[in-house]
Amino acid sequence: MRVQFDQLSANQRYHLITQTITPRPIAWILTKNESASYNLAPFSYFAPVSSDPAIVMVSIGNKSANVAKDTKNNLLREKECVLHIPSEEVMNAVNESSATLAYGESEIPASGITLAEFAATLPRISEAKVAMHCKLYDVHSIENASFTAVFLEILDMYIDEDLVTQESSRIMVDNQKLNPLARLGGDDYALVGKTVTMKRPN
């Protein structure tokens, strides 16, 4: 089957992209609302971009036509966030936090998660095994699109001690223990499952 993208609607393209570019890691992002509450939302248009500086990219769509998502508004105002890598244990909370709420209404109470001290100005999710304090590095709006590419620089990282071993100067993270949650198409998610190790050729 051959599919010409210039003959598809934006919605049709979205569903093809999300069902074929899989599995996608999830950035579970906590930001501060204008009030004292926190916003929490998952994003799967997410990838590392650079290690020096340490930059990741998250693409954030709109709530609706001309209405930006709360995460984007908060990032542009506060210039920081805490980005978590969710595991199987918190998958129900991740799904719950994807609900569309009124601005200022926090997803945290309904998600059943707790907060722990982390950065000077932002907490992390206690139940998440990996958390990254990030500052806003750059923003790129895609012309004629509802998506904005947000570039975040990692300043500080929390990793659950149970995941970590040290090999010489390298910190090794056990992905089987992390068991990261990944996004597929539709309502489907994926977990690590089988891992294959292959040495790179010289």
N, C-alpha and C. Protein backbone atom coordinates (compact mmCIF):
# COMPACT_ATOMS: atom_id res chain seq x y z
N MET A 1 0.84 -1.20 0.00
CA MET A 1 0.00 0.00 0.00
C MET A 1 0.88 1.25 0.00
N ARG A 2 0.60 2.16 -0.87
CA ARG A 2 1.33 3.42 -0.97
C ARG A 2 0.39 4.53 -0.52
N VAL A 3 0.87 5.40 0.37
CA VAL A 3 0.04 6.47 0.90
C VAL A 3 0.69 7.82 0.60
N GLN A 4 -0.01 8.68 -0.12
CA GLN A 4 0.49 10.01 -0.44
C GLN A 4 -0.01 10.99 0.63
N PHE A 5 0.93 11.55 1.40
CA PHE A 5 0.54 12.38 2.53
C PHE A 5 -0.12 13.69 2.12
N ASP A 6 0.15 14.17 0.91
CA ASP A 6 -0.50 15.40 0.47
C ASP A 6 -1.97 15.21 0.13
N GLN A 7 -2.43 13.95 0.15
CA GLN A 7 -3.83 13.65 -0.10
C GLN A 7 -4.60 13.30 1.18
N LEU A 8 -3.93 13.44 2.32
CA LEU A 8 -4.54 13.10 3.60
C LEU A 8 -4.83 14.34 4.43
N SER A 9 -5.81 14.23 5.31
CA SER A 9 -6.08 15.29 6.27
C SER A 9 -5.03 15.22 7.38
N ALA A 10 -4.93 16.28 8.18
CA ALA A 10 -3.99 16.30 9.30
C ALA A 10 -4.28 15.17 10.27
N ASN A 11 -5.55 14.87 10.49
CA ASN A 11 -5.94 13.80 11.40
C ASN A 11 -5.52 12.44 10.87
N GLN A 12 -5.69 12.22 9.58
CA GLN A 12 -5.27 10.95 8.96
C GLN A 12 -3.76 10.78 9.05
N ARG A 13 -3.02 11.86 8.82
CA ARG A 13 -1.55 11.80 8.93
C ARG A 13 -1.14 11.47 10.36
N TYR A 14 -1.79 12.13 11.32
CA TYR A 14 -1.48 11.89 12.73
C TYR A 14 -1.63 10.41 13.08
N HIS A 15 -2.73 9.81 12.67
CA HIS A 15 -2.96 8.41 13.02
C HIS A 15 -1.98 7.47 12.33
N LEU A 16 -1.58 7.77 11.12
CA LEU A 16 -0.57 6.95 10.46
C LEU A 16 0.80 7.09 11.12
N ILE A 17 1.15 8.33 11.46
CA ILE A 17 2.44 8.56 12.11
C ILE A 17 2.51 7.85 13.46
N THR A 18 1.46 7.99 14.27
CA THR A 18 1.49 7.42 15.62
C THR A 18 1.37 5.90 15.63
N GLN A 19 0.89 5.31 14.53
CA GLN A 19 0.80 3.86 14.46
C GLN A 19 2.02 3.21 13.81
N THR A 20 2.88 4.00 13.18
CA THR A 20 4.05 3.43 12.51
C THR A 20 5.37 3.83 13.17
N ILE A 21 5.45 5.03 13.72
CA ILE A 21 6.67 5.43 14.44
C ILE A 21 6.47 5.00 15.90
N THR A 22 6.81 3.75 16.16
CA THR A 22 6.56 3.13 17.46
C THR A 22 7.71 2.20 17.82
N PRO A 23 7.91 1.92 19.10
CA PRO A 23 7.29 2.60 20.25
C PRO A 23 7.94 3.96 20.46
N ARG A 24 7.18 4.90 21.01
CA ARG A 24 7.70 6.23 21.28
C ARG A 24 7.85 6.42 22.78
N PRO A 25 9.01 6.90 23.26
CA PRO A 25 9.15 7.17 24.69
C PRO A 25 8.19 8.28 25.10
N ILE A 26 7.85 8.30 26.37
CA ILE A 26 6.91 9.28 26.90
C ILE A 26 7.64 10.27 27.81
N ALA A 27 7.46 11.54 27.54
CA ALA A 27 7.92 12.61 28.43
C ALA A 27 6.74 13.00 29.30
N TRP A 28 6.83 12.68 30.58
CA TRP A 28 5.75 13.00 31.53
C TRP A 28 6.17 14.28 32.24
N ILE A 29 5.58 15.39 31.84
CA ILE A 29 6.11 16.70 32.20
C ILE A 29 5.28 17.40 33.28
N LEU A 30 6.00 17.83 34.31
CA LEU A 30 5.40 18.61 35.39
C LEU A 30 5.85 20.06 35.26
N THR A 31 4.89 20.98 35.26
CA THR A 31 5.18 22.41 35.21
C THR A 31 4.35 23.12 36.27
N LYS A 32 4.73 24.35 36.55
CA LYS A 32 4.02 25.14 37.55
C LYS A 32 2.96 26.02 36.89
N ASN A 33 1.74 25.94 37.40
CA ASN A 33 0.67 26.83 36.94
C ASN A 33 0.87 28.22 37.53
N GLU A 34 0.10 29.18 37.03
CA GLU A 34 0.18 30.53 37.58
C GLU A 34 -0.24 30.55 39.05
N SER A 35 -1.14 29.66 39.42
CA SER A 35 -1.51 29.50 40.83
C SER A 35 -0.44 28.63 41.49
N ALA A 36 -0.71 28.18 42.70
CA ALA A 36 0.28 27.36 43.43
C ALA A 36 0.26 25.90 43.00
N SER A 37 -0.62 25.53 42.08
CA SER A 37 -0.76 24.13 41.68
C SER A 37 0.22 23.77 40.57
N TYR A 38 0.27 22.46 40.25
CA TYR A 38 1.17 21.96 39.21
C TYR A 38 0.37 21.27 38.11
N ASN A 39 0.84 21.44 36.89
CA ASN A 39 0.26 20.74 35.74
C ASN A 39 1.11 19.51 35.45
N LEU A 40 0.45 18.43 35.05
CA LEU A 40 1.15 17.18 34.71
C LEU A 40 0.54 16.60 33.46
N ALA A 41 1.37 16.30 32.46
CA ALA A 41 0.84 15.79 31.19
C ALA A 41 1.89 14.95 30.47
N PRO A 42 1.44 13.90 29.74
CA PRO A 42 2.36 13.06 28.96
C PRO A 42 2.42 13.49 27.50
N PHE A 43 3.63 13.36 26.92
CA PHE A 43 3.83 13.69 25.50
C PHE A 43 4.70 12.61 24.86
N SER A 44 4.29 12.11 23.69
CA SER A 44 5.06 11.05 23.05
C SER A 44 5.74 11.49 21.75
N TYR A 45 5.58 12.75 21.37
CA TYR A 45 6.42 13.30 20.30
C TYR A 45 7.65 13.85 21.02
N PHE A 46 8.60 12.96 21.32
CA PHE A 46 9.66 13.25 22.29
C PHE A 46 10.93 12.50 21.89
N ALA A 47 12.08 13.20 21.90
CA ALA A 47 13.33 12.54 21.52
C ALA A 47 14.54 13.33 22.03
N PRO A 48 15.67 12.63 22.29
CA PRO A 48 16.92 13.34 22.57
C PRO A 48 17.45 13.98 21.30
N VAL A 49 18.10 15.12 21.45
CA VAL A 49 18.63 15.86 20.30
C VAL A 49 20.15 15.99 20.37
N SER A 50 20.67 16.23 21.58
CA SER A 50 22.10 16.48 21.75
C SER A 50 22.51 16.07 23.15
N SER A 51 23.80 15.67 23.30
CA SER A 51 24.32 15.37 24.63
C SER A 51 25.27 16.46 25.14
N ASP A 52 25.68 17.37 24.27
CA ASP A 52 26.56 18.46 24.69
C ASP A 52 26.25 19.71 23.88
N PRO A 53 25.31 20.56 24.35
CA PRO A 53 24.61 20.46 25.64
C PRO A 53 23.56 19.34 25.62
N ALA A 54 23.08 18.98 26.81
CA ALA A 54 22.12 17.88 26.94
C ALA A 54 20.72 18.40 26.62
N ILE A 55 20.28 18.17 25.36
CA ILE A 55 19.02 18.73 24.88
C ILE A 55 18.07 17.62 24.46
N VAL A 56 16.82 17.75 24.88
CA VAL A 56 15.75 16.90 24.38
C VAL A 56 14.70 17.78 23.71
N MET A 57 13.90 17.18 22.82
CA MET A 57 12.85 17.92 22.14
C MET A 57 11.51 17.26 22.44
N VAL A 58 10.53 18.10 22.74
CA VAL A 58 9.15 17.64 22.94
C VAL A 58 8.26 18.49 22.05
N SER A 59 7.43 17.83 21.25
CA SER A 59 6.49 18.54 20.40
C SER A 59 5.14 18.59 21.11
N ILE A 60 4.63 19.81 21.29
CA ILE A 60 3.40 20.01 22.06
C ILE A 60 2.33 20.60 21.15
N GLY A 61 1.21 19.89 21.06
CA GLY A 61 0.09 20.38 20.27
C GLY A 61 -0.79 21.33 21.07
N ASN A 62 -1.88 21.76 20.47
CA ASN A 62 -2.83 22.63 21.14
C ASN A 62 -3.96 21.83 21.77
N LYS A 63 -4.62 22.42 22.78
CA LYS A 63 -5.84 21.82 23.35
C LYS A 63 -6.93 21.77 22.29
N SER A 64 -7.08 22.87 21.61
CA SER A 64 -8.05 23.03 20.54
C SER A 64 -7.55 24.15 19.64
N ALA A 65 -8.31 24.49 18.64
CA ALA A 65 -7.88 25.54 17.71
C ALA A 65 -7.55 26.82 18.46
N ASN A 66 -6.31 27.28 18.31
CA ASN A 66 -5.83 28.54 18.88
C ASN A 66 -5.80 28.57 20.42
N VAL A 67 -5.90 27.41 21.05
CA VAL A 67 -5.80 27.33 22.51
C VAL A 67 -4.62 26.43 22.85
N ALA A 68 -3.54 27.01 23.37
CA ALA A 68 -2.33 26.24 23.67
C ALA A 68 -2.55 25.34 24.88
N LYS A 69 -1.81 24.23 24.91
CA LYS A 69 -1.87 23.35 26.08
C LYS A 69 -1.21 24.04 27.28
N ASP A 70 -1.68 23.65 28.47
CA ASP A 70 -1.18 24.26 29.70
C ASP A 70 0.33 24.09 29.85
N THR A 71 0.85 22.94 29.47
CA THR A 71 2.29 22.69 29.57
C THR A 71 3.08 23.72 28.77
N LYS A 72 2.64 24.00 27.56
CA LYS A 72 3.32 25.00 26.72
C LYS A 72 3.26 26.38 27.36
N ASN A 73 2.08 26.79 27.81
CA ASN A 73 1.94 28.10 28.45
C ASN A 73 2.86 28.22 29.67
N ASN A 74 2.87 27.17 30.48
CA ASN A 74 3.69 27.20 31.69
C ASN A 74 5.19 27.24 31.37
N LEU A 75 5.59 26.46 30.37
CA LEU A 75 7.00 26.44 29.98
C LEU A 75 7.47 27.80 29.46
N LEU A 76 6.65 28.42 28.65
CA LEU A 76 7.02 29.72 28.09
C LEU A 76 7.11 30.78 29.19
N ARG A 77 6.30 30.64 30.22
CA ARG A 77 6.31 31.63 31.30
C ARG A 77 7.39 31.33 32.33
N GLU A 78 7.48 30.09 32.80
CA GLU A 78 8.37 29.73 33.90
C GLU A 78 9.77 29.33 33.43
N LYS A 79 9.90 28.92 32.16
CA LYS A 79 11.19 28.55 31.56
C LYS A 79 11.81 27.29 32.16
N GLU A 80 11.01 26.44 32.80
CA GLU A 80 11.54 25.20 33.37
C GLU A 80 10.44 24.18 33.55
N CYS A 81 10.87 22.91 33.74
CA CYS A 81 9.94 21.82 34.00
C CYS A 81 10.71 20.67 34.63
N VAL A 82 9.96 19.66 35.08
CA VAL A 82 10.57 18.39 35.46
C VAL A 82 9.98 17.32 34.54
N LEU A 83 10.86 16.69 33.78
CA LEU A 83 10.46 15.68 32.80
C LEU A 83 10.75 14.30 33.38
N HIS A 84 9.73 13.45 33.45
CA HIS A 84 9.85 12.10 34.00
C HIS A 84 9.78 11.06 32.89
N ILE A 85 10.46 9.94 33.10
CA ILE A 85 10.33 8.77 32.23
C ILE A 85 9.46 7.77 33.00
N PRO A 86 8.21 7.58 32.60
CA PRO A 86 7.31 6.73 33.37
C PRO A 86 7.55 5.25 33.14
N SER A 87 7.26 4.46 34.18
CA SER A 87 7.39 3.01 34.14
C SER A 87 6.01 2.36 34.21
N GLU A 88 5.98 1.04 34.11
CA GLU A 88 4.72 0.30 34.13
C GLU A 88 3.90 0.62 35.38
N GLU A 89 4.59 0.79 36.50
CA GLU A 89 3.89 0.99 37.77
C GLU A 89 3.01 2.24 37.79
N VAL A 90 3.32 3.21 36.95
CA VAL A 90 2.55 4.46 36.97
C VAL A 90 1.71 4.65 35.70
N MET A 91 1.51 3.59 34.93
CA MET A 91 0.83 3.76 33.65
C MET A 91 -0.60 4.27 33.80
N ASN A 92 -1.31 3.87 34.85
CA ASN A 92 -2.66 4.38 35.05
C ASN A 92 -2.64 5.87 35.36
N ALA A 93 -1.65 6.30 36.13
CA ALA A 93 -1.51 7.73 36.44
C ALA A 93 -1.15 8.53 35.19
N VAL A 94 -0.30 7.97 34.33
CA VAL A 94 0.06 8.63 33.08
C VAL A 94 -1.19 8.83 32.23
N ASN A 95 -1.98 7.78 32.09
CA ASN A 95 -3.20 7.87 31.30
C ASN A 95 -4.18 8.88 31.90
N GLU A 96 -4.32 8.86 33.21
CA GLU A 96 -5.23 9.78 33.90
C GLU A 96 -4.78 11.23 33.68
N SER A 97 -3.48 11.47 33.65
CA SER A 97 -2.97 12.84 33.51
C SER A 97 -3.10 13.39 32.10
N SER A 98 -3.54 12.55 31.16
CA SER A 98 -3.74 13.03 29.78
C SER A 98 -5.12 13.68 29.60
N ALA A 99 -5.95 13.69 30.64
CA ALA A 99 -7.27 14.30 30.55
C ALA A 99 -7.14 15.81 30.32
N THR A 100 -8.08 16.36 29.56
CA THR A 100 -8.10 17.80 29.31
C THR A 100 -8.88 18.49 30.43
N LEU A 101 -8.17 19.31 31.20
CA LEU A 101 -8.78 20.02 32.32
C LEU A 101 -8.72 21.52 32.08
N ALA A 102 -9.50 22.26 32.85
CA ALA A 102 -9.43 23.72 32.80
C ALA A 102 -8.08 24.18 33.32
N TYR A 103 -7.59 25.30 32.79
CA TYR A 103 -6.28 25.79 33.21
C TYR A 103 -6.27 26.06 34.72
N GLY A 104 -5.21 25.60 35.39
CA GLY A 104 -5.07 25.78 36.83
C GLY A 104 -5.58 24.60 37.64
N GLU A 105 -6.36 23.74 37.02
CA GLU A 105 -6.84 22.53 37.70
C GLU A 105 -5.78 21.44 37.54
N SER A 106 -5.24 20.98 38.65
CA SER A 106 -4.12 20.04 38.61
C SER A 106 -4.57 18.61 38.35
N GLU A 107 -3.78 17.90 37.55
CA GLU A 107 -4.04 16.48 37.27
C GLU A 107 -3.56 15.58 38.40
N ILE A 108 -2.77 16.12 39.31
CA ILE A 108 -2.09 15.30 40.31
C ILE A 108 -3.05 14.60 41.28
N PRO A 109 -4.06 15.27 41.85
CA PRO A 109 -4.95 14.56 42.78
C PRO A 109 -5.64 13.33 42.16
N ALA A 110 -6.15 13.49 40.94
CA ALA A 110 -6.85 12.38 40.28
C ALA A 110 -5.90 11.28 39.84
N SER A 111 -4.62 11.63 39.64
CA SER A 111 -3.65 10.63 39.18
C SER A 111 -3.17 9.73 40.30
N GLY A 112 -3.38 10.13 41.54
CA GLY A 112 -3.01 9.29 42.68
C GLY A 112 -1.52 9.20 42.94
N ILE A 113 -0.77 10.20 42.47
CA ILE A 113 0.67 10.18 42.70
C ILE A 113 1.03 11.21 43.77
N THR A 114 2.26 11.12 44.27
CA THR A 114 2.73 12.06 45.29
C THR A 114 3.96 12.79 44.78
N LEU A 115 4.30 13.88 45.45
CA LEU A 115 5.43 14.71 45.03
C LEU A 115 6.55 14.63 46.05
N ALA A 116 7.78 14.75 45.55
CA ALA A 116 8.96 14.77 46.41
C ALA A 116 9.80 16.00 46.06
N GLU A 117 10.55 16.52 47.01
CA GLU A 117 11.42 17.65 46.74
C GLU A 117 12.47 17.27 45.69
N PHE A 118 12.78 18.23 44.82
CA PHE A 118 13.76 17.95 43.77
C PHE A 118 14.53 19.22 43.45
N ALA A 119 14.04 20.00 42.50
CA ALA A 119 14.69 21.27 42.16
C ALA A 119 14.26 22.33 43.17
N ALA A 120 14.95 23.45 43.16
CA ALA A 120 14.63 24.52 44.12
C ALA A 120 13.20 25.02 43.96
N THR A 121 12.71 25.00 42.73
CA THR A 121 11.40 25.58 42.45
C THR A 121 10.34 24.57 42.02
N LEU A 122 10.75 23.33 41.75
CA LEU A 122 9.81 22.32 41.28
C LEU A 122 10.06 20.97 41.96
N PRO A 123 8.98 20.25 42.30
CA PRO A 123 9.14 18.90 42.84
C PRO A 123 9.22 17.89 41.71
N ARG A 124 9.44 16.64 42.06
CA ARG A 124 9.34 15.53 41.10
C ARG A 124 8.24 14.59 41.59
N ILE A 125 7.83 13.69 40.70
CA ILE A 125 6.86 12.66 41.06
C ILE A 125 7.59 11.55 41.80
N SER A 126 7.17 11.27 43.02
CA SER A 126 7.84 10.28 43.87
C SER A 126 7.88 8.90 43.22
N GLU A 127 6.81 8.53 42.54
CA GLU A 127 6.69 7.18 41.99
C GLU A 127 7.44 6.98 40.68
N ALA A 128 7.94 8.05 40.08
CA ALA A 128 8.70 7.93 38.82
C ALA A 128 10.15 7.61 39.13
N LYS A 129 10.73 6.65 38.39
CA LYS A 129 12.09 6.18 38.65
C LYS A 129 13.16 7.07 38.04
N VAL A 130 12.77 7.91 37.07
CA VAL A 130 13.70 8.84 36.44
C VAL A 130 13.02 10.20 36.32
N ALA A 131 13.73 11.25 36.75
CA ALA A 131 13.21 12.61 36.64
C ALA A 131 14.35 13.53 36.22
N MET A 132 14.05 14.49 35.36
CA MET A 132 15.05 15.43 34.86
C MET A 132 14.56 16.86 35.05
N HIS A 133 15.33 17.66 35.76
CA HIS A 133 15.02 19.09 35.86
C HIS A 133 15.57 19.75 34.60
N CYS A 134 14.70 20.40 33.85
CA CYS A 134 15.08 20.99 32.57
C CYS A 134 14.75 22.47 32.52
N LYS A 135 15.57 23.22 31.78
CA LYS A 135 15.23 24.61 31.50
C LYS A 135 14.91 24.75 30.02
N LEU A 136 14.06 25.71 29.71
CA LEU A 136 13.69 25.96 28.33
C LEU A 136 14.91 26.48 27.57
N TYR A 137 15.25 25.81 26.49
CA TYR A 137 16.44 26.16 25.71
C TYR A 137 16.07 26.92 24.44
N ASP A 138 15.01 26.45 23.76
CA ASP A 138 14.58 27.08 22.52
C ASP A 138 13.17 26.62 22.20
N VAL A 139 12.51 27.41 21.36
CA VAL A 139 11.14 27.09 20.93
C VAL A 139 11.06 27.31 19.43
N HIS A 140 10.46 26.35 18.74
CA HIS A 140 10.31 26.49 17.29
C HIS A 140 8.87 26.18 16.92
N SER A 141 8.15 27.19 16.49
CA SER A 141 6.76 27.00 16.05
C SER A 141 6.76 26.54 14.60
N ILE A 142 6.00 25.50 14.34
CA ILE A 142 5.92 24.95 12.99
C ILE A 142 4.85 25.70 12.22
N GLU A 143 5.25 26.30 11.11
CA GLU A 143 4.35 27.17 10.35
C GLU A 143 3.10 26.42 9.92
N ASN A 144 1.95 27.06 10.10
CA ASN A 144 0.64 26.52 9.71
C ASN A 144 0.30 25.20 10.40
N ALA A 145 0.91 24.97 11.56
CA ALA A 145 0.63 23.74 12.31
C ALA A 145 0.26 24.09 13.74
N SER A 146 -0.42 23.16 14.41
CA SER A 146 -0.83 23.38 15.79
C SER A 146 0.23 22.88 16.78
N PHE A 147 1.37 22.40 16.25
CA PHE A 147 2.42 21.86 17.11
C PHE A 147 3.57 22.85 17.28
N THR A 148 4.17 22.84 18.47
CA THR A 148 5.35 23.64 18.76
C THR A 148 6.45 22.73 19.27
N ALA A 149 7.63 22.80 18.66
CA ALA A 149 8.77 22.01 19.10
C ALA A 149 9.47 22.78 20.21
N VAL A 150 9.51 22.17 21.39
CA VAL A 150 10.12 22.79 22.56
C VAL A 150 11.42 22.06 22.86
N PHE A 151 12.52 22.80 22.93
CA PHE A 151 13.83 22.22 23.23
C PHE A 151 14.17 22.49 24.68
N LEU A 152 14.52 21.45 25.42
CA LEU A 152 14.76 21.54 26.86
C LEU A 152 16.18 21.08 27.17
N GLU A 153 16.89 21.83 28.01
CA GLU A 153 18.22 21.43 28.44
C GLU A 153 18.13 20.77 29.81
N ILE A 154 18.70 19.56 29.92
CA ILE A 154 18.70 18.83 31.18
C ILE A 154 19.76 19.42 32.10
N LEU A 155 19.33 19.84 33.28
CA LEU A 155 20.25 20.43 34.26
C LEU A 155 20.63 19.44 35.35
N ASP A 156 19.71 18.58 35.71
CA ASP A 156 19.87 17.71 36.87
C ASP A 156 18.99 16.49 36.66
N MET A 157 19.44 15.31 37.09
CA MET A 157 18.67 14.09 36.89
C MET A 157 18.61 13.28 38.18
N TYR A 158 17.42 12.76 38.46
CA TYR A 158 17.22 11.80 39.55
C TYR A 158 17.04 10.43 38.93
N ILE A 159 17.74 9.42 39.44
CA ILE A 159 17.57 8.03 39.01
C ILE A 159 17.42 7.17 40.25
N ASP A 160 16.41 6.34 40.28
CA ASP A 160 16.21 5.41 41.40
C ASP A 160 17.47 4.56 41.58
N GLU A 161 17.96 4.47 42.81
CA GLU A 161 19.20 3.74 43.11
C GLU A 161 19.13 2.28 42.67
N ASP A 162 17.95 1.68 42.68
CA ASP A 162 17.82 0.26 42.30
C ASP A 162 18.12 0.02 40.83
N LEU A 163 18.13 1.08 40.03
CA LEU A 163 18.35 0.93 38.58
C LEU A 163 19.83 1.05 38.21
N VAL A 164 20.66 1.53 39.15
CA VAL A 164 21.99 2.02 38.79
C VAL A 164 23.11 1.08 39.22
N THR A 165 24.06 0.89 38.31
CA THR A 165 25.35 0.28 38.64
C THR A 165 26.44 1.17 38.04
N GLN A 166 27.63 1.07 38.56
CA GLN A 166 28.74 1.89 38.07
C GLN A 166 29.76 1.00 37.39
N GLU A 167 30.11 1.33 36.14
CA GLU A 167 31.15 0.62 35.41
C GLU A 167 32.21 1.63 35.00
N SER A 168 33.34 1.62 35.74
CA SER A 168 34.39 2.61 35.53
C SER A 168 33.78 4.00 35.71
N SER A 169 33.86 4.87 34.72
CA SER A 169 33.31 6.22 34.84
C SER A 169 31.88 6.32 34.33
N ARG A 170 31.32 5.20 33.88
CA ARG A 170 29.99 5.22 33.26
C ARG A 170 28.92 4.73 34.22
N ILE A 171 27.83 5.47 34.31
CA ILE A 171 26.66 5.04 35.08
C ILE A 171 25.79 4.19 34.15
N MET A 172 25.48 2.97 34.59
CA MET A 172 24.66 2.06 33.80
C MET A 172 23.27 1.97 34.41
N VAL A 173 22.24 2.11 33.57
CA VAL A 173 20.85 2.06 34.01
C VAL A 173 20.22 0.78 33.48
N ASP A 174 19.63 -0.01 34.37
CA ASP A 174 19.01 -1.28 34.01
C ASP A 174 17.61 -1.01 33.44
N ASN A 175 17.48 -1.17 32.12
CA ASN A 175 16.20 -0.88 31.48
C ASN A 175 15.12 -1.89 31.81
N GLN A 176 15.52 -3.11 32.15
CA GLN A 176 14.52 -4.09 32.56
C GLN A 176 13.87 -3.67 33.87
N LYS A 177 14.67 -3.13 34.78
CA LYS A 177 14.13 -2.65 36.05
C LYS A 177 13.36 -1.33 35.88
N LEU A 178 13.85 -0.49 34.98
CA LEU A 178 13.12 0.74 34.69
C LEU A 178 11.78 0.43 34.03
N ASN A 179 11.78 -0.54 33.11
CA ASN A 179 10.57 -0.96 32.40
C ASN A 179 9.77 0.24 31.90
N PRO A 180 10.40 1.07 31.05
CA PRO A 180 9.74 2.31 30.62
C PRO A 180 8.48 2.06 29.81
N LEU A 181 7.52 2.91 30.04
CA LEU A 181 6.26 2.87 29.31
C LEU A 181 6.44 3.60 27.99
N ALA A 182 5.95 3.02 26.91
CA ALA A 182 6.09 3.65 25.59
C ALA A 182 4.72 3.73 24.93
N ARG A 183 4.61 4.60 23.97
CA ARG A 183 3.33 4.85 23.30
C ARG A 183 3.30 4.18 21.94
N LEU A 184 2.18 3.58 21.64
CA LEU A 184 1.90 3.05 20.31
C LEU A 184 0.77 3.88 19.71
N GLY A 185 0.04 3.35 18.74
CA GLY A 185 -1.08 4.08 18.15
C GLY A 185 -2.35 3.89 18.95
N GLY A 186 -3.32 4.74 18.71
CA GLY A 186 -4.62 4.62 19.37
C GLY A 186 -4.51 4.69 20.87
N ASP A 187 -5.13 3.72 21.54
CA ASP A 187 -5.10 3.65 23.01
C ASP A 187 -4.03 2.69 23.52
N ASP A 188 -3.12 2.28 22.65
CA ASP A 188 -2.16 1.23 23.01
C ASP A 188 -0.84 1.79 23.55
N TYR A 189 -0.30 1.06 24.54
CA TYR A 189 1.00 1.35 25.12
C TYR A 189 1.86 0.09 25.01
N ALA A 190 3.17 0.26 25.21
CA ALA A 190 4.09 -0.88 25.17
C ALA A 190 5.05 -0.80 26.35
N LEU A 191 5.58 -1.97 26.74
CA LEU A 191 6.61 -2.06 27.76
C LEU A 191 7.83 -2.72 27.15
N VAL A 192 8.95 -2.75 27.87
CA VAL A 192 10.22 -3.19 27.28
C VAL A 192 10.15 -4.60 26.71
N GLY A 193 9.65 -5.57 27.48
CA GLY A 193 9.60 -6.94 26.98
C GLY A 193 10.97 -7.50 26.71
N LYS A 194 11.17 -8.11 25.55
CA LYS A 194 12.43 -8.75 25.19
C LYS A 194 13.49 -7.70 24.84
N THR A 195 14.70 -7.89 25.37
CA THR A 195 15.82 -7.02 25.05
C THR A 195 16.89 -7.81 24.29
N VAL A 196 17.39 -7.26 23.21
CA VAL A 196 18.44 -7.89 22.41
C VAL A 196 19.70 -7.04 22.50
N THR A 197 20.83 -7.65 22.83
CA THR A 197 22.10 -6.93 22.92
C THR A 197 23.02 -7.32 21.77
N MET A 198 23.50 -6.34 21.01
CA MET A 198 24.42 -6.59 19.90
C MET A 198 25.56 -5.58 19.99
N LYS A 199 26.78 -6.06 19.93
CA LYS A 199 27.94 -5.18 19.93
C LYS A 199 28.03 -4.47 18.60
N ARG A 200 28.34 -3.16 18.63
CA ARG A 200 28.53 -2.42 17.39
C ARG A 200 29.82 -2.84 16.72
N PRO A 201 29.82 -2.89 15.38
CA PRO A 201 31.07 -3.22 14.69
C PRO A 201 32.07 -2.08 14.82
N ASN A 202 33.35 -2.42 14.68
CA ASN A 202 34.41 -1.40 14.76
C ASN A 202 34.34 -0.44 13.59
